[in-house]
Amino acid sequence: MTGDTEAMATSAPEGGEPRAQVAAARPRLGLRALRGLTGVLAGGLVVLAAALGVAQWLVTSSGRPGPGLAVVIGHAVAAVAAVVVQAVADRSGGSRAWLASTTVLVIVAATLWFGWWA
């Protein structure tokens, strides 16, 4: 490599970190995929909690039995917890990100198990 080409390969993009440091800072594919999966699951739990809230509101106004206030509150608490833990996973690296992502999986699995399958 010539001096100009070598300097260009390791130079920082306009005001940023050098490319080698940026590439080293990116998490591995497995962790990125896990974060993506748990992000989708956390979002799905939010949608499920919102749908249950709407269903409870509709059946209450029509006088029919519905999912119940405890179920709606339980799903809402689980959704908030999953989103908070997912935010930790997204902003962390290494073992802390793996632990937070695994915690989201456990929250979603427990909510589905106790709220729907058990």
N, C-alpha and C. Protein backbone atom coordinates (compact mmCIF):
# COMPACT_ATOMS: atom_id res chain seq x y z
N MET A 1 0.84 -1.18 0.00
CA MET A 1 0.00 0.00 0.00
C MET A 1 0.88 1.24 0.00
N THR A 2 0.40 2.22 -0.67
CA THR A 2 1.11 3.49 -0.63
C THR A 2 0.70 4.23 0.63
N GLY A 3 1.41 5.26 0.95
CA GLY A 3 1.12 6.03 2.15
C GLY A 3 -0.28 6.62 2.15
N ASP A 4 -0.74 7.13 0.99
CA ASP A 4 -2.07 7.74 0.91
C ASP A 4 -3.16 6.69 1.09
N THR A 5 -3.00 5.53 0.46
CA THR A 5 -4.02 4.48 0.55
C THR A 5 -4.11 3.93 1.96
N GLU A 6 -2.96 3.75 2.62
CA GLU A 6 -2.95 3.24 3.97
C GLU A 6 -3.59 4.23 4.93
N ALA A 7 -3.31 5.49 4.76
CA ALA A 7 -3.90 6.51 5.62
C ALA A 7 -5.40 6.56 5.41
N MET A 8 -5.86 6.36 4.16
CA MET A 8 -7.28 6.40 3.86
C MET A 8 -8.00 5.19 4.48
N ALA A 9 -7.37 4.03 4.51
CA ALA A 9 -8.00 2.81 5.01
C ALA A 9 -8.22 2.87 6.52
N THR A 10 -7.36 3.58 7.24
CA THR A 10 -7.52 3.64 8.69
C THR A 10 -8.00 5.00 9.18
N SER A 11 -8.22 5.92 8.26
CA SER A 11 -8.64 7.25 8.69
C SER A 11 -10.10 7.23 9.13
N ALA A 12 -10.42 8.22 9.90
CA ALA A 12 -11.78 8.31 10.42
C ALA A 12 -12.68 8.97 9.39
N PRO A 13 -13.90 8.46 9.24
CA PRO A 13 -14.87 9.16 8.42
C PRO A 13 -15.16 10.50 9.08
N GLU A 14 -15.45 11.46 8.34
CA GLU A 14 -15.64 12.84 8.78
C GLU A 14 -16.05 12.98 10.24
N GLY A 15 -15.09 13.23 11.10
CA GLY A 15 -15.36 13.50 12.51
C GLY A 15 -15.69 12.29 13.35
N GLY A 16 -15.57 11.09 12.81
CA GLY A 16 -15.93 9.89 13.56
C GLY A 16 -14.72 9.11 14.01
N GLU A 17 -14.97 7.89 14.46
CA GLU A 17 -13.90 7.01 14.90
C GLU A 17 -13.27 6.34 13.69
N PRO A 18 -12.04 5.88 13.80
CA PRO A 18 -11.44 5.13 12.70
C PRO A 18 -12.25 3.88 12.39
N ARG A 19 -12.26 3.49 11.12
CA ARG A 19 -13.09 2.37 10.66
C ARG A 19 -12.79 1.07 11.40
N ALA A 20 -11.53 0.83 11.72
CA ALA A 20 -11.17 -0.41 12.42
C ALA A 20 -11.82 -0.46 13.79
N GLN A 21 -11.90 0.67 14.48
CA GLN A 21 -12.52 0.70 15.80
C GLN A 21 -14.03 0.55 15.69
N VAL A 22 -14.63 1.13 14.66
CA VAL A 22 -16.07 1.00 14.47
C VAL A 22 -16.43 -0.44 14.19
N ALA A 23 -15.66 -1.12 13.35
CA ALA A 23 -15.92 -2.53 13.03
C ALA A 23 -15.74 -3.40 14.27
N ALA A 24 -14.76 -3.10 15.10
CA ALA A 24 -14.53 -3.89 16.30
C ALA A 24 -15.64 -3.67 17.33
N ALA A 25 -16.29 -2.52 17.31
CA ALA A 25 -17.32 -2.20 18.28
C ALA A 25 -18.66 -2.86 17.95
N ARG A 26 -18.86 -3.31 16.72
CA ARG A 26 -20.12 -3.94 16.34
C ARG A 26 -20.24 -5.30 17.00
N PRO A 27 -21.42 -5.63 17.54
CA PRO A 27 -21.58 -6.95 18.14
C PRO A 27 -21.61 -8.04 17.07
N ARG A 28 -21.34 -9.25 17.48
CA ARG A 28 -21.32 -10.37 16.56
C ARG A 28 -22.71 -10.66 16.03
N LEU A 29 -22.75 -11.41 14.94
CA LEU A 29 -24.01 -11.72 14.27
C LEU A 29 -24.99 -12.43 15.20
N GLY A 30 -24.52 -13.36 16.02
CA GLY A 30 -25.41 -14.10 16.92
C GLY A 30 -26.11 -13.18 17.91
N LEU A 31 -25.37 -12.25 18.48
CA LEU A 31 -25.95 -11.32 19.43
C LEU A 31 -26.91 -10.35 18.73
N ARG A 32 -26.53 -9.89 17.55
CA ARG A 32 -27.43 -9.00 16.80
C ARG A 32 -28.73 -9.70 16.45
N ALA A 33 -28.64 -10.97 16.05
CA ALA A 33 -29.84 -11.74 15.70
C ALA A 33 -30.71 -11.96 16.94
N LEU A 34 -30.08 -12.26 18.07
CA LEU A 34 -30.84 -12.46 19.30
C LEU A 34 -31.52 -11.17 19.72
N ARG A 35 -30.82 -10.05 19.61
CA ARG A 35 -31.43 -8.75 19.93
C ARG A 35 -32.61 -8.45 19.01
N GLY A 36 -32.45 -8.78 17.73
CA GLY A 36 -33.54 -8.57 16.79
C GLY A 36 -34.76 -9.41 17.14
N LEU A 37 -34.53 -10.69 17.45
CA LEU A 37 -35.62 -11.59 17.82
C LEU A 37 -36.32 -11.11 19.08
N THR A 38 -35.54 -10.78 20.10
CA THR A 38 -36.17 -10.36 21.36
C THR A 38 -36.85 -9.00 21.22
N GLY A 39 -36.35 -8.16 20.33
CA GLY A 39 -37.02 -6.89 20.07
C GLY A 39 -38.39 -7.10 19.44
N VAL A 40 -38.46 -8.02 18.51
CA VAL A 40 -39.74 -8.35 17.88
C VAL A 40 -40.69 -8.96 18.90
N LEU A 41 -40.18 -9.85 19.73
CA LEU A 41 -41.03 -10.47 20.76
C LEU A 41 -41.53 -9.45 21.78
N ALA A 42 -40.68 -8.53 22.18
CA ALA A 42 -41.11 -7.48 23.12
C ALA A 42 -42.18 -6.60 22.48
N GLY A 43 -41.99 -6.26 21.21
CA GLY A 43 -43.01 -5.48 20.50
C GLY A 43 -44.31 -6.24 20.36
N GLY A 44 -44.22 -7.53 20.10
CA GLY A 44 -45.42 -8.36 20.00
C GLY A 44 -46.16 -8.43 21.32
N LEU A 45 -45.43 -8.45 22.42
CA LEU A 45 -46.06 -8.46 23.74
C LEU A 45 -46.78 -7.14 24.00
N VAL A 46 -46.23 -6.04 23.52
CA VAL A 46 -46.90 -4.74 23.65
C VAL A 46 -48.21 -4.74 22.86
N VAL A 47 -48.17 -5.27 21.64
CA VAL A 47 -49.38 -5.34 20.81
C VAL A 47 -50.42 -6.23 21.47
N LEU A 48 -49.98 -7.37 22.02
CA LEU A 48 -50.90 -8.28 22.70
C LEU A 48 -51.54 -7.62 23.91
N ALA A 49 -50.76 -6.91 24.70
CA ALA A 49 -51.30 -6.22 25.88
C ALA A 49 -52.30 -5.14 25.45
N ALA A 50 -51.99 -4.42 24.39
CA ALA A 50 -52.92 -3.39 23.90
C ALA A 50 -54.21 -4.03 23.39
N ALA A 51 -54.10 -5.14 22.67
CA ALA A 51 -55.30 -5.82 22.16
C ALA A 51 -56.17 -6.33 23.32
N LEU A 52 -55.54 -6.86 24.35
CA LEU A 52 -56.31 -7.30 25.52
C LEU A 52 -56.99 -6.13 26.22
N GLY A 53 -56.29 -5.00 26.29
CA GLY A 53 -56.90 -3.81 26.89
C GLY A 53 -58.11 -3.34 26.11
N VAL A 54 -58.00 -3.34 24.79
CA VAL A 54 -59.14 -2.95 23.95
C VAL A 54 -60.27 -3.96 24.10
N ALA A 55 -59.94 -5.24 24.11
CA ALA A 55 -60.97 -6.27 24.27
C ALA A 55 -61.68 -6.13 25.61
N GLN A 56 -60.94 -5.88 26.67
CA GLN A 56 -61.55 -5.70 27.98
C GLN A 56 -62.47 -4.48 27.99
N TRP A 57 -62.04 -3.42 27.37
CA TRP A 57 -62.86 -2.21 27.31
C TRP A 57 -64.15 -2.46 26.52
N LEU A 58 -64.04 -3.18 25.40
CA LEU A 58 -65.22 -3.47 24.59
C LEU A 58 -66.22 -4.36 25.32
N VAL A 59 -65.74 -5.41 25.97
CA VAL A 59 -66.67 -6.31 26.64
C VAL A 59 -67.25 -5.69 27.90
N THR A 60 -66.51 -4.81 28.54
CA THR A 60 -67.04 -4.13 29.73
C THR A 60 -68.18 -3.21 29.33
N SER A 61 -68.03 -2.53 28.21
CA SER A 61 -69.08 -1.60 27.78
C SER A 61 -70.31 -2.33 27.25
N SER A 62 -70.17 -3.59 26.85
CA SER A 62 -71.32 -4.34 26.35
C SER A 62 -71.89 -5.31 27.37
N GLY A 63 -71.28 -5.40 28.55
CA GLY A 63 -71.79 -6.25 29.61
C GLY A 63 -71.45 -7.73 29.46
N ARG A 64 -70.52 -8.08 28.62
CA ARG A 64 -70.12 -9.48 28.42
C ARG A 64 -68.88 -9.79 29.26
N PRO A 65 -68.65 -11.09 29.52
CA PRO A 65 -67.40 -11.44 30.22
C PRO A 65 -66.21 -11.30 29.28
N GLY A 66 -65.09 -10.92 29.84
CA GLY A 66 -63.90 -10.72 29.02
C GLY A 66 -62.69 -11.34 29.67
N PRO A 67 -61.51 -10.91 29.27
CA PRO A 67 -60.30 -11.50 29.82
C PRO A 67 -60.10 -11.20 31.30
N GLY A 68 -60.62 -10.12 31.78
CA GLY A 68 -60.46 -9.75 33.19
C GLY A 68 -59.38 -8.71 33.38
N LEU A 69 -59.58 -7.88 34.35
CA LEU A 69 -58.65 -6.78 34.61
C LEU A 69 -57.28 -7.28 35.04
N ALA A 70 -57.24 -8.36 35.83
CA ALA A 70 -55.96 -8.90 36.28
C ALA A 70 -55.12 -9.39 35.10
N VAL A 71 -55.75 -10.01 34.13
CA VAL A 71 -55.03 -10.51 32.95
C VAL A 71 -54.49 -9.34 32.14
N VAL A 72 -55.29 -8.31 31.97
CA VAL A 72 -54.85 -7.14 31.21
C VAL A 72 -53.69 -6.45 31.92
N ILE A 73 -53.78 -6.28 33.23
CA ILE A 73 -52.71 -5.64 33.98
C ILE A 73 -51.44 -6.50 33.94
N GLY A 74 -51.60 -7.81 34.08
CA GLY A 74 -50.45 -8.71 34.02
C GLY A 74 -49.73 -8.63 32.68
N HIS A 75 -50.48 -8.60 31.59
CA HIS A 75 -49.87 -8.48 30.26
C HIS A 75 -49.20 -7.11 30.08
N ALA A 76 -49.83 -6.06 30.62
CA ALA A 76 -49.25 -4.72 30.50
C ALA A 76 -47.93 -4.63 31.28
N VAL A 77 -47.91 -5.19 32.48
CA VAL A 77 -46.68 -5.18 33.28
C VAL A 77 -45.59 -5.98 32.57
N ALA A 78 -45.94 -7.14 32.03
CA ALA A 78 -44.95 -7.96 31.32
C ALA A 78 -44.43 -7.23 30.08
N ALA A 79 -45.31 -6.52 29.37
CA ALA A 79 -44.89 -5.79 28.17
C ALA A 79 -43.93 -4.66 28.54
N VAL A 80 -44.23 -3.92 29.58
CA VAL A 80 -43.34 -2.83 30.01
C VAL A 80 -41.99 -3.40 30.45
N ALA A 81 -42.03 -4.49 31.21
CA ALA A 81 -40.78 -5.11 31.66
C ALA A 81 -39.95 -5.59 30.47
N ALA A 82 -40.59 -6.21 29.48
CA ALA A 82 -39.87 -6.70 28.31
C ALA A 82 -39.24 -5.56 27.52
N VAL A 83 -39.95 -4.45 27.38
CA VAL A 83 -39.41 -3.31 26.64
C VAL A 83 -38.23 -2.69 27.39
N VAL A 84 -38.33 -2.57 28.70
CA VAL A 84 -37.24 -1.99 29.49
C VAL A 84 -36.00 -2.88 29.41
N VAL A 85 -36.18 -4.18 29.57
CA VAL A 85 -35.05 -5.10 29.50
C VAL A 85 -34.47 -5.14 28.08
N GLN A 86 -35.34 -5.03 27.07
CA GLN A 86 -34.84 -4.99 25.69
C GLN A 86 -34.01 -3.73 25.45
N ALA A 87 -34.40 -2.63 26.05
CA ALA A 87 -33.60 -1.41 25.92
C ALA A 87 -32.22 -1.60 26.54
N VAL A 88 -32.16 -2.31 27.66
CA VAL A 88 -30.87 -2.62 28.28
C VAL A 88 -30.04 -3.48 27.33
N ALA A 89 -30.67 -4.47 26.72
CA ALA A 89 -29.96 -5.35 25.78
C ALA A 89 -29.43 -4.57 24.59
N ASP A 90 -30.22 -3.64 24.09
CA ASP A 90 -29.80 -2.85 22.93
C ASP A 90 -28.66 -1.89 23.24
N ARG A 91 -28.58 -1.44 24.47
CA ARG A 91 -27.56 -0.45 24.83
C ARG A 91 -26.33 -1.07 25.49
N SER A 92 -26.35 -2.37 25.67
CA SER A 92 -25.24 -3.06 26.33
C SER A 92 -24.49 -3.91 25.33
N GLY A 93 -23.42 -4.47 25.80
CA GLY A 93 -22.64 -5.40 24.99
C GLY A 93 -22.23 -6.59 25.81
N GLY A 94 -21.74 -7.60 25.14
CA GLY A 94 -21.19 -8.76 25.81
C GLY A 94 -22.20 -9.56 26.59
N SER A 95 -21.79 -10.02 27.76
CA SER A 95 -22.63 -10.91 28.56
C SER A 95 -23.87 -10.20 29.11
N ARG A 96 -23.77 -8.91 29.35
CA ARG A 96 -24.94 -8.18 29.84
C ARG A 96 -26.04 -8.15 28.78
N ALA A 97 -25.66 -7.99 27.52
CA ALA A 97 -26.65 -8.00 26.44
C ALA A 97 -27.26 -9.38 26.27
N TRP A 98 -26.43 -10.43 26.38
CA TRP A 98 -26.96 -11.80 26.29
C TRP A 98 -27.94 -12.07 27.43
N LEU A 99 -27.59 -11.66 28.65
CA LEU A 99 -28.45 -11.88 29.80
C LEU A 99 -29.77 -11.11 29.65
N ALA A 100 -29.71 -9.88 29.21
CA ALA A 100 -30.92 -9.09 29.03
C ALA A 100 -31.80 -9.69 27.93
N SER A 101 -31.20 -10.12 26.83
CA SER A 101 -31.98 -10.74 25.76
C SER A 101 -32.63 -12.04 26.22
N THR A 102 -31.90 -12.82 26.99
CA THR A 102 -32.46 -14.06 27.53
C THR A 102 -33.60 -13.77 28.50
N THR A 103 -33.47 -12.70 29.25
CA THR A 103 -34.53 -12.29 30.17
C THR A 103 -35.80 -11.93 29.42
N VAL A 104 -35.65 -11.25 28.28
CA VAL A 104 -36.83 -10.94 27.46
C VAL A 104 -37.50 -12.23 26.99
N LEU A 105 -36.70 -13.20 26.56
CA LEU A 105 -37.26 -14.49 26.15
C LEU A 105 -38.04 -15.14 27.29
N VAL A 106 -37.49 -15.08 28.50
CA VAL A 106 -38.16 -15.68 29.66
C VAL A 106 -39.46 -14.94 29.98
N ILE A 107 -39.44 -13.61 29.91
CA ILE A 107 -40.66 -12.83 30.19
C ILE A 107 -41.75 -13.18 29.18
N VAL A 108 -41.40 -13.22 27.92
CA VAL A 108 -42.39 -13.53 26.89
C VAL A 108 -42.91 -14.96 27.06
N ALA A 109 -42.01 -15.91 27.28
CA ALA A 109 -42.43 -17.30 27.45
C ALA A 109 -43.32 -17.47 28.68
N ALA A 110 -42.97 -16.82 29.78
CA ALA A 110 -43.77 -16.93 30.99
C ALA A 110 -45.16 -16.30 30.79
N THR A 111 -45.20 -15.17 30.11
CA THR A 111 -46.48 -14.52 29.86
C THR A 111 -47.37 -15.39 28.99
N LEU A 112 -46.81 -15.95 27.95
CA LEU A 112 -47.61 -16.82 27.09
C LEU A 112 -48.02 -18.09 27.83
N TRP A 113 -47.12 -18.65 28.61
CA TRP A 113 -47.43 -19.88 29.33
C TRP A 113 -48.54 -19.65 30.35
N PHE A 114 -48.35 -18.69 31.24
CA PHE A 114 -49.32 -18.49 32.31
C PHE A 114 -50.57 -17.76 31.85
N GLY A 115 -50.47 -16.96 30.81
CA GLY A 115 -51.64 -16.20 30.35
C GLY A 115 -52.48 -16.91 29.32
N TRP A 116 -51.90 -17.87 28.60
CA TRP A 116 -52.62 -18.47 27.49
C TRP A 116 -52.63 -20.00 27.51
N TRP A 117 -51.54 -20.63 27.87
CA TRP A 117 -51.44 -22.07 27.70
C TRP A 117 -51.71 -22.85 28.98
N ALA A 118 -51.50 -22.27 30.14
CA ALA A 118 -51.65 -23.04 31.39
C ALA A 118 -53.09 -23.09 31.83
